[in-house]
Amino acid sequence: MAMDLDTEALKAKLATLKTEHRDLDQMIVRLAEHAPVDQLELQRLKKRKLLLKDQITKIESELLPDIIA
């Protein structure tokens, strides 16, 4: 029962992170289209996007069942 709750919580967190990642991607594209480009803001958004991607990958690996080779 507790494991199901943990899995559901991870899935919910994963969905939230993926949405934020997608939104950041769209923000980066819009920001890059408009001149002059604020390079510092662009760099911050890209760094945040990368951190989100790392978190997404970590959660996805936790959700996958262990495979014994």
C-alpha atoms as a PDB file:
ATOM      1  CA  MET A   1       0.000   0.000   0.000  1.00  0.00           C
ATOM      2  CA  ALA A   2       2.736   2.459   0.970  1.00  0.00           C
ATOM      3  CA  MET A   3       4.717   1.472  -2.113  1.00  0.00           C
ATOM      4  CA  ASP A   4       1.713   2.310  -4.306  1.00  0.00           C
ATOM      5  CA  LEU A   5       1.498   5.738  -2.675  1.00  0.00           C
ATOM      6  CA  ASP A   6       5.199   6.298  -3.270  1.00  0.00           C
ATOM      7  CA  THR A   7       4.843   5.266  -6.903  1.00  0.00           C
ATOM      8  CA  GLU A   8       1.845   7.547  -7.399  1.00  0.00           C
ATOM      9  CA  ALA A   9       3.689  10.438  -5.734  1.00  0.00           C
ATOM     10  CA  LEU A  10       6.690   9.862  -8.007  1.00  0.00           C
ATOM     11  CA  LYS A  11       4.454   9.757 -11.082  1.00  0.00           C
ATOM     12  CA  ALA A  12       2.773  13.009 -10.062  1.00  0.00           C
ATOM     13  CA  LYS A  13       6.149  14.655  -9.438  1.00  0.00           C
ATOM     14  CA  LEU A  14       7.382  13.357 -12.799  1.00  0.00           C
ATOM     15  CA  ALA A  15       4.389  14.859 -14.607  1.00  0.00           C
ATOM     16  CA  THR A  16       4.970  18.211 -12.897  1.00  0.00           C
ATOM     17  CA  LEU A  17       8.662  18.219 -13.780  1.00  0.00           C
ATOM     18  CA  LYS A  18       7.960  17.301 -17.409  1.00  0.00           C
ATOM     19  CA  THR A  19       5.444  20.148 -17.686  1.00  0.00           C
ATOM     20  CA  GLU A  20       7.922  22.626 -16.213  1.00  0.00           C
ATOM     21  CA  HIS A  21      10.660  21.301 -18.530  1.00  0.00           C
ATOM     22  CA  ARG A  22       8.410  21.766 -21.576  1.00  0.00           C
ATOM     23  CA  ASP A  23       7.420  25.271 -20.440  1.00  0.00           C
ATOM     24  CA  LEU A  24      11.063  26.221 -19.968  1.00  0.00           C
ATOM     25  CA  ASP A  25      11.859  24.933 -23.434  1.00  0.00           C
ATOM     26  CA  GLN A  26       9.164  27.174 -24.893  1.00  0.00           C
ATOM     27  CA  MET A  27      10.428  30.169 -22.874  1.00  0.00           C
ATOM     28  CA  ILE A  28      13.970  29.588 -24.127  1.00  0.00           C
ATOM     29  CA  VAL A  29      12.795  29.489 -27.737  1.00  0.00           C
ATOM     30  CA  ARG A  30      10.750  32.686 -27.334  1.00  0.00           C
ATOM     31  CA  LEU A  31      13.595  34.478 -25.577  1.00  0.00           C
ATOM     32  CA  ALA A  32      16.108  33.439 -28.244  1.00  0.00           C
ATOM     33  CA  GLU A  33      13.819  34.736 -31.015  1.00  0.00           C
ATOM     34  CA  HIS A  34      13.747  38.298 -29.704  1.00  0.00           C
ATOM     35  CA  ALA A  35      16.751  40.567 -30.148  1.00  0.00           C
ATOM     36  CA  PRO A  36      18.621  41.605 -28.161  1.00  0.00           C
ATOM     37  CA  VAL A  37      18.925  38.289 -26.358  1.00  0.00           C
ATOM     38  CA  ASP A  38      19.569  38.424 -22.625  1.00  0.00           C
ATOM     39  CA  GLN A  39      22.365  35.855 -22.537  1.00  0.00           C
ATOM     40  CA  LEU A  40      22.436  35.674 -18.745  1.00  0.00           C
ATOM     41  CA  GLU A  41      18.705  34.931 -18.520  1.00  0.00           C
ATOM     42  CA  LEU A  42      18.994  32.428 -21.367  1.00  0.00           C
ATOM     43  CA  GLN A  43      21.851  30.677 -19.559  1.00  0.00           C
ATOM     44  CA  ARG A  44      19.853  30.532 -16.307  1.00  0.00           C
ATOM     45  CA  LEU A  45      16.836  29.034 -18.064  1.00  0.00           C
ATOM     46  CA  LYS A  46      18.979  26.430 -19.804  1.00  0.00           C
ATOM     47  CA  LYS A  47      20.665  25.495 -16.529  1.00  0.00           C
ATOM     48  CA  ARG A  48      17.288  25.118 -14.823  1.00  0.00           C
ATOM     49  CA  LYS A  49      16.058  23.006 -17.751  1.00  0.00           C
ATOM     50  CA  LEU A  50      19.102  20.739 -17.433  1.00  0.00           C
ATOM     51  CA  LEU A  51      18.524  20.321 -13.690  1.00  0.00           C
ATOM     52  CA  LEU A  52      14.915  19.392 -14.387  1.00  0.00           C
ATOM     53  CA  LYS A  53      16.026  16.853 -16.989  1.00  0.00           C
ATOM     54  CA  ASP A  54      18.354  15.281 -14.420  1.00  0.00           C
ATOM     55  CA  GLN A  55      15.506  15.058 -11.899  1.00  0.00           C
ATOM     56  CA  ILE A  56      13.199  13.560 -14.531  1.00  0.00           C
ATOM     57  CA  THR A  57      15.804  10.931 -15.426  1.00  0.00           C
ATOM     58  CA  LYS A  58      16.326  10.075 -11.750  1.00  0.00           C
ATOM     59  CA  ILE A  59      12.615   9.625 -11.081  1.00  0.00           C
ATOM     60  CA  GLU A  60      12.124   7.592 -14.252  1.00  0.00           C
ATOM     61  CA  SER A  61      14.916   5.255 -13.177  1.00  0.00           C
ATOM     62  CA  GLU A  62      13.282   4.872  -9.741  1.00  0.00           C
ATOM     63  CA  LEU A  63       9.980   3.955 -11.366  1.00  0.00           C
ATOM     64  CA  LEU A  64      11.524   1.251 -13.552  1.00  0.00           C
ATOM     65  CA  PRO A  65      11.610  -2.180 -11.928  1.00  0.00           C
ATOM     66  CA  ASP A  66      15.028  -3.561 -11.108  1.00  0.00           C
ATOM     67  CA  ILE A  67      16.264  -5.828 -13.843  1.00  0.00           C
ATOM     68  CA  ILE A  68      18.577  -8.626 -12.802  1.00  0.00           C
ATOM     69  CA  ALA A  69      21.042  -9.343 -15.578  1.00  0.00           C
END
